[in-house]
Amino acid sequence: MGKPANQPAEIKPASPPKVEPAAGPPVEMDRLDDLTDKNENSLRELVEMYIKQTDGQFEQLQKAITANQPAEVRRVAHSCAGSSSTLGMMRLGQLMRALEKRAPRAG
């Protein structure tokens, strides 16, 4: 007997997704310099804000995975990938895109 149609697909543990190594450095400092006009205080504020936001997203991801909520995993991973890529955190952006694609869709 199958699952009721309204239940999400179960998130199953699997081997980590294969992600190609980033072509460049894990952090593109030029992008951060552009965003902050090379101002050390602005850079510090931006990085602290990013770390706080990303830490919260990691907590959300952990809860969504534990609660078997693939739609929430995709949503949070997508958001984290976007902010990471925007700020030049390319490696983390790649990993979050892979996680976003890996979370099963209902249906």
N, C-alpha and C. Protein backbone atom coordinates (compact mmCIF):
# COMPACT_ATOMS: atom_id res chain seq x y z
N MET A 1 0.84 -1.18 0.00
CA MET A 1 0.00 0.00 0.00
C MET A 1 0.88 1.23 0.00
N GLY A 2 0.63 2.22 -0.84
CA GLY A 2 1.46 3.42 -0.97
C GLY A 2 1.09 4.48 0.04
N LYS A 3 1.83 5.57 0.01
CA LYS A 3 1.57 6.71 0.89
C LYS A 3 0.38 7.50 0.39
N PRO A 4 -0.34 8.17 1.29
CA PRO A 4 -1.39 9.08 0.83
C PRO A 4 -0.77 10.16 -0.06
N ALA A 5 -1.53 10.63 -1.01
CA ALA A 5 -1.03 11.59 -2.01
C ALA A 5 -0.54 12.89 -1.40
N ASN A 6 -1.04 13.27 -0.22
CA ASN A 6 -0.67 14.56 0.34
C ASN A 6 0.59 14.52 1.19
N GLN A 7 1.22 13.35 1.36
CA GLN A 7 2.44 13.28 2.14
C GLN A 7 3.65 13.53 1.25
N PRO A 8 4.63 14.31 1.76
CA PRO A 8 5.82 14.57 0.96
C PRO A 8 6.67 13.32 0.83
N ALA A 9 7.48 13.30 -0.20
CA ALA A 9 8.43 12.20 -0.37
C ALA A 9 9.40 12.21 0.79
N GLU A 10 9.76 11.04 1.26
CA GLU A 10 10.66 10.93 2.40
C GLU A 10 12.08 11.29 1.99
N ILE A 11 12.75 12.03 2.85
CA ILE A 11 14.16 12.35 2.62
C ILE A 11 14.96 11.18 3.16
N LYS A 12 15.70 10.53 2.31
CA LYS A 12 16.47 9.35 2.70
C LYS A 12 17.95 9.72 2.76
N PRO A 13 18.64 9.21 3.80
CA PRO A 13 20.08 9.45 3.85
C PRO A 13 20.75 8.83 2.62
N ALA A 14 21.69 9.51 2.10
CA ALA A 14 22.41 9.01 0.92
C ALA A 14 23.83 9.52 0.98
N SER A 15 24.62 9.03 0.07
CA SER A 15 25.98 9.53 0.00
C SER A 15 25.94 10.99 -0.42
N PRO A 16 26.94 11.75 -0.03
CA PRO A 16 26.95 13.16 -0.39
C PRO A 16 26.93 13.35 -1.90
N PRO A 17 26.26 14.42 -2.36
CA PRO A 17 26.22 14.65 -3.81
C PRO A 17 27.62 14.97 -4.32
N LYS A 18 27.86 14.58 -5.55
CA LYS A 18 29.14 14.92 -6.17
C LYS A 18 29.05 16.35 -6.67
N VAL A 19 29.94 17.18 -6.19
CA VAL A 19 29.98 18.57 -6.58
C VAL A 19 31.36 18.83 -7.16
N GLU A 20 31.39 19.35 -8.34
CA GLU A 20 32.67 19.67 -8.97
C GLU A 20 33.38 20.74 -8.14
N PRO A 21 34.68 20.62 -8.00
CA PRO A 21 35.42 21.65 -7.27
C PRO A 21 35.23 23.01 -7.92
N ALA A 22 35.18 24.02 -7.08
CA ALA A 22 35.05 25.38 -7.59
C ALA A 22 36.26 25.71 -8.45
N ALA A 23 36.01 26.44 -9.52
CA ALA A 23 37.09 26.79 -10.43
C ALA A 23 38.06 27.80 -9.81
N GLY A 24 37.58 28.56 -8.87
CA GLY A 24 38.41 29.58 -8.26
C GLY A 24 38.49 29.39 -6.76
N PRO A 25 38.85 30.45 -6.05
CA PRO A 25 38.94 30.37 -4.59
C PRO A 25 37.55 30.21 -3.97
N PRO A 26 37.47 29.67 -2.75
CA PRO A 26 36.17 29.48 -2.10
C PRO A 26 35.43 30.80 -1.86
N VAL A 27 36.19 31.89 -1.69
CA VAL A 27 35.60 33.22 -1.49
C VAL A 27 36.23 34.16 -2.51
N GLU A 28 35.38 34.83 -3.25
CA GLU A 28 35.87 35.82 -4.22
C GLU A 28 35.97 37.18 -3.52
N MET A 29 37.15 37.47 -3.02
CA MET A 29 37.36 38.71 -2.27
C MET A 29 37.10 39.94 -3.12
N ASP A 30 37.34 39.87 -4.42
CA ASP A 30 37.06 41.02 -5.29
C ASP A 30 35.59 41.42 -5.21
N ARG A 31 34.72 40.43 -5.14
CA ARG A 31 33.28 40.71 -5.05
C ARG A 31 32.97 41.40 -3.73
N LEU A 32 33.53 40.90 -2.64
CA LEU A 32 33.32 41.54 -1.34
C LEU A 32 33.89 42.96 -1.32
N ASP A 33 35.06 43.13 -1.93
CA ASP A 33 35.65 44.47 -2.01
C ASP A 33 34.75 45.43 -2.79
N ASP A 34 34.17 44.94 -3.89
CA ASP A 34 33.25 45.77 -4.68
C ASP A 34 32.02 46.16 -3.88
N LEU A 35 31.48 45.20 -3.14
CA LEU A 35 30.26 45.46 -2.36
C LEU A 35 30.50 46.42 -1.20
N THR A 36 31.71 46.46 -0.70
CA THR A 36 32.01 47.28 0.48
C THR A 36 32.93 48.46 0.17
N ASP A 37 33.22 48.67 -1.10
CA ASP A 37 34.16 49.74 -1.50
C ASP A 37 35.48 49.63 -0.75
N LYS A 38 35.87 48.41 -0.46
CA LYS A 38 37.13 48.11 0.24
C LYS A 38 37.21 48.75 1.63
N ASN A 39 36.05 49.05 2.21
CA ASN A 39 35.99 49.62 3.55
C ASN A 39 35.99 48.47 4.57
N GLU A 40 37.00 48.45 5.45
CA GLU A 40 37.14 47.34 6.40
C GLU A 40 35.94 47.21 7.33
N ASN A 41 35.40 48.33 7.80
CA ASN A 41 34.24 48.26 8.70
C ASN A 41 33.02 47.71 7.97
N SER A 42 32.82 48.14 6.74
CA SER A 42 31.69 47.63 5.95
C SER A 42 31.87 46.15 5.68
N LEU A 43 33.08 45.74 5.37
CA LEU A 43 33.37 44.34 5.12
C LEU A 43 33.07 43.51 6.37
N ARG A 44 33.54 43.98 7.50
CA ARG A 44 33.30 43.27 8.76
C ARG A 44 31.81 43.13 9.03
N GLU A 45 31.06 44.20 8.86
CA GLU A 45 29.61 44.17 9.09
C GLU A 45 28.92 43.19 8.13
N LEU A 46 29.31 43.25 6.88
CA LEU A 46 28.70 42.38 5.87
C LEU A 46 28.98 40.91 6.17
N VAL A 47 30.21 40.59 6.50
CA VAL A 47 30.58 39.21 6.80
C VAL A 47 29.90 38.74 8.08
N GLU A 48 29.83 39.57 9.10
CA GLU A 48 29.14 39.19 10.34
C GLU A 48 27.66 38.94 10.08
N MET A 49 27.04 39.78 9.26
CA MET A 49 25.63 39.60 8.93
C MET A 49 25.43 38.30 8.14
N TYR A 50 26.31 38.03 7.20
CA TYR A 50 26.25 36.82 6.40
C TYR A 50 26.39 35.58 7.28
N ILE A 51 27.36 35.59 8.19
CA ILE A 51 27.58 34.45 9.07
C ILE A 51 26.36 34.21 9.96
N LYS A 52 25.79 35.26 10.50
CA LYS A 52 24.61 35.12 11.35
C LYS A 52 23.44 34.55 10.55
N GLN A 53 23.21 35.08 9.36
CA GLN A 53 22.12 34.61 8.51
C GLN A 53 22.34 33.15 8.10
N THR A 54 23.55 32.82 7.69
CA THR A 54 23.85 31.47 7.23
C THR A 54 23.76 30.47 8.37
N ASP A 55 24.20 30.86 9.55
CA ASP A 55 24.07 29.99 10.72
C ASP A 55 22.60 29.67 10.97
N GLY A 56 21.74 30.66 10.86
CA GLY A 56 20.30 30.44 11.02
C GLY A 56 19.75 29.52 9.93
N GLN A 57 20.24 29.69 8.71
CA GLN A 57 19.79 28.83 7.62
C GLN A 57 20.23 27.39 7.83
N PHE A 58 21.43 27.19 8.36
CA PHE A 58 21.88 25.83 8.65
C PHE A 58 20.99 25.18 9.70
N GLU A 59 20.58 25.95 10.71
CA GLU A 59 19.66 25.43 11.72
C GLU A 59 18.32 25.07 11.08
N GLN A 60 17.82 25.93 10.20
CA GLN A 60 16.56 25.65 9.50
C GLN A 60 16.68 24.39 8.65
N LEU A 61 17.80 24.24 7.97
CA LEU A 61 18.02 23.05 7.15
C LEU A 61 18.01 21.78 8.01
N GLN A 62 18.70 21.85 9.13
CA GLN A 62 18.77 20.69 10.01
C GLN A 62 17.36 20.31 10.50
N LYS A 63 16.57 21.29 10.89
CA LYS A 63 15.20 21.03 11.35
C LYS A 63 14.35 20.46 10.22
N ALA A 64 14.48 21.02 9.03
CA ALA A 64 13.68 20.56 7.89
C ALA A 64 14.04 19.13 7.50
N ILE A 65 15.31 18.81 7.55
CA ILE A 65 15.74 17.45 7.23
C ILE A 65 15.23 16.48 8.30
N THR A 66 15.38 16.85 9.56
CA THR A 66 14.90 16.01 10.66
C THR A 66 13.39 15.80 10.59
N ALA A 67 12.66 16.84 10.20
CA ALA A 67 11.19 16.77 10.12
C ALA A 67 10.70 16.22 8.79
N ASN A 68 11.63 15.81 7.92
CA ASN A 68 11.27 15.26 6.61
C ASN A 68 10.42 16.25 5.80
N GLN A 69 10.93 17.47 5.64
CA GLN A 69 10.25 18.52 4.90
C GLN A 69 11.09 18.94 3.69
N PRO A 70 11.04 18.16 2.61
CA PRO A 70 11.90 18.45 1.46
C PRO A 70 11.62 19.81 0.82
N ALA A 71 10.38 20.28 0.83
CA ALA A 71 10.09 21.59 0.25
C ALA A 71 10.81 22.69 1.03
N GLU A 72 10.87 22.54 2.35
CA GLU A 72 11.57 23.53 3.19
C GLU A 72 13.07 23.42 2.97
N VAL A 73 13.57 22.22 2.80
CA VAL A 73 15.00 22.04 2.51
C VAL A 73 15.34 22.78 1.21
N ARG A 74 14.53 22.58 0.17
CA ARG A 74 14.78 23.25 -1.11
C ARG A 74 14.72 24.77 -0.96
N ARG A 75 13.71 25.27 -0.22
CA ARG A 75 13.55 26.71 -0.06
C ARG A 75 14.74 27.34 0.64
N VAL A 76 15.16 26.74 1.75
CA VAL A 76 16.27 27.31 2.53
C VAL A 76 17.58 27.16 1.78
N ALA A 77 17.79 26.01 1.15
CA ALA A 77 19.03 25.82 0.38
C ALA A 77 19.10 26.82 -0.77
N HIS A 78 17.98 27.08 -1.42
CA HIS A 78 17.93 28.06 -2.51
C HIS A 78 18.31 29.45 -2.00
N SER A 79 17.73 29.83 -0.88
CA SER A 79 18.02 31.14 -0.30
C SER A 79 19.49 31.27 0.09
N CYS A 80 20.01 30.23 0.73
CA CYS A 80 21.42 30.25 1.16
C CYS A 80 22.35 30.27 -0.05
N ALA A 81 22.00 29.53 -1.09
CA ALA A 81 22.82 29.52 -2.31
C ALA A 81 22.86 30.90 -2.94
N GLY A 82 21.72 31.56 -2.97
CA GLY A 82 21.66 32.89 -3.58
C GLY A 82 22.49 33.91 -2.83
N SER A 83 22.33 33.96 -1.51
CA SER A 83 23.09 34.95 -0.75
C SER A 83 24.58 34.61 -0.78
N SER A 84 24.91 33.34 -0.74
CA SER A 84 26.33 32.95 -0.78
C SER A 84 26.97 33.36 -2.10
N SER A 85 26.30 33.07 -3.19
CA SER A 85 26.83 33.42 -4.51
C SER A 85 26.93 34.93 -4.69
N THR A 86 25.93 35.66 -4.21
CA THR A 86 25.94 37.12 -4.31
C THR A 86 27.15 37.72 -3.61
N LEU A 87 27.51 37.13 -2.47
CA LEU A 87 28.63 37.67 -1.69
C LEU A 87 29.97 37.05 -2.06
N GLY A 88 29.97 36.18 -3.07
CA GLY A 88 31.24 35.62 -3.51
C GLY A 88 31.66 34.37 -2.77
N MET A 89 30.76 33.77 -1.99
CA MET A 89 31.05 32.52 -1.28
C MET A 89 30.69 31.38 -2.22
N MET A 90 31.49 31.20 -3.24
CA MET A 90 31.14 30.33 -4.35
C MET A 90 31.04 28.85 -3.98
N ARG A 91 31.94 28.36 -3.17
CA ARG A 91 31.91 26.94 -2.82
C ARG A 91 30.64 26.59 -2.06
N LEU A 92 30.29 27.40 -1.06
CA LEU A 92 29.07 27.13 -0.31
C LEU A 92 27.84 27.29 -1.21
N GLY A 93 27.88 28.26 -2.09
CA GLY A 93 26.78 28.43 -3.04
C GLY A 93 26.57 27.18 -3.87
N GLN A 94 27.66 26.58 -4.35
CA GLN A 94 27.58 25.34 -5.14
C GLN A 94 26.98 24.20 -4.32
N LEU A 95 27.43 24.06 -3.09
CA LEU A 95 26.93 22.99 -2.24
C LEU A 95 25.44 23.15 -1.95
N MET A 96 25.01 24.38 -1.72
CA MET A 96 23.60 24.62 -1.45
C MET A 96 22.74 24.37 -2.69
N ARG A 97 23.25 24.70 -3.87
CA ARG A 97 22.52 24.40 -5.12
C ARG A 97 22.37 22.89 -5.29
N ALA A 98 23.42 22.14 -4.96
CA ALA A 98 23.36 20.68 -5.06
C ALA A 98 22.33 20.13 -4.08
N LEU A 99 22.30 20.66 -2.85
CA LEU A 99 21.32 20.22 -1.87
C LEU A 99 19.90 20.56 -2.32
N GLU A 100 19.72 21.75 -2.86
CA GLU A 100 18.41 22.17 -3.37
C GLU A 100 17.90 21.20 -4.43
N LYS A 101 18.76 20.80 -5.34
CA LYS A 101 18.37 19.89 -6.42
C LYS A 101 18.14 18.47 -5.91
N ARG A 102 18.82 18.11 -4.86
CA ARG A 102 18.77 16.74 -4.34
C ARG A 102 17.51 16.46 -3.52
N ALA A 103 16.94 17.48 -2.89
CA ALA A 103 15.74 17.26 -2.06
C ALA A 103 14.60 16.79 -2.94
N PRO A 104 13.96 15.67 -2.58
CA PRO A 104 12.90 15.13 -3.44
C PRO A 104 11.69 16.04 -3.51
N ARG A 105 11.02 15.95 -4.62
CA ARG A 105 9.78 16.70 -4.81
C ARG A 105 8.61 15.77 -4.53
N ALA A 106 7.54 16.36 -4.01
CA ALA A 106 6.34 15.56 -3.75
C ALA A 106 5.75 15.08 -5.06
N GLY A 107 5.09 13.96 -4.99
CA GLY A 107 4.39 13.53 -6.20
C GLY A 107 4.61 12.17 -6.62
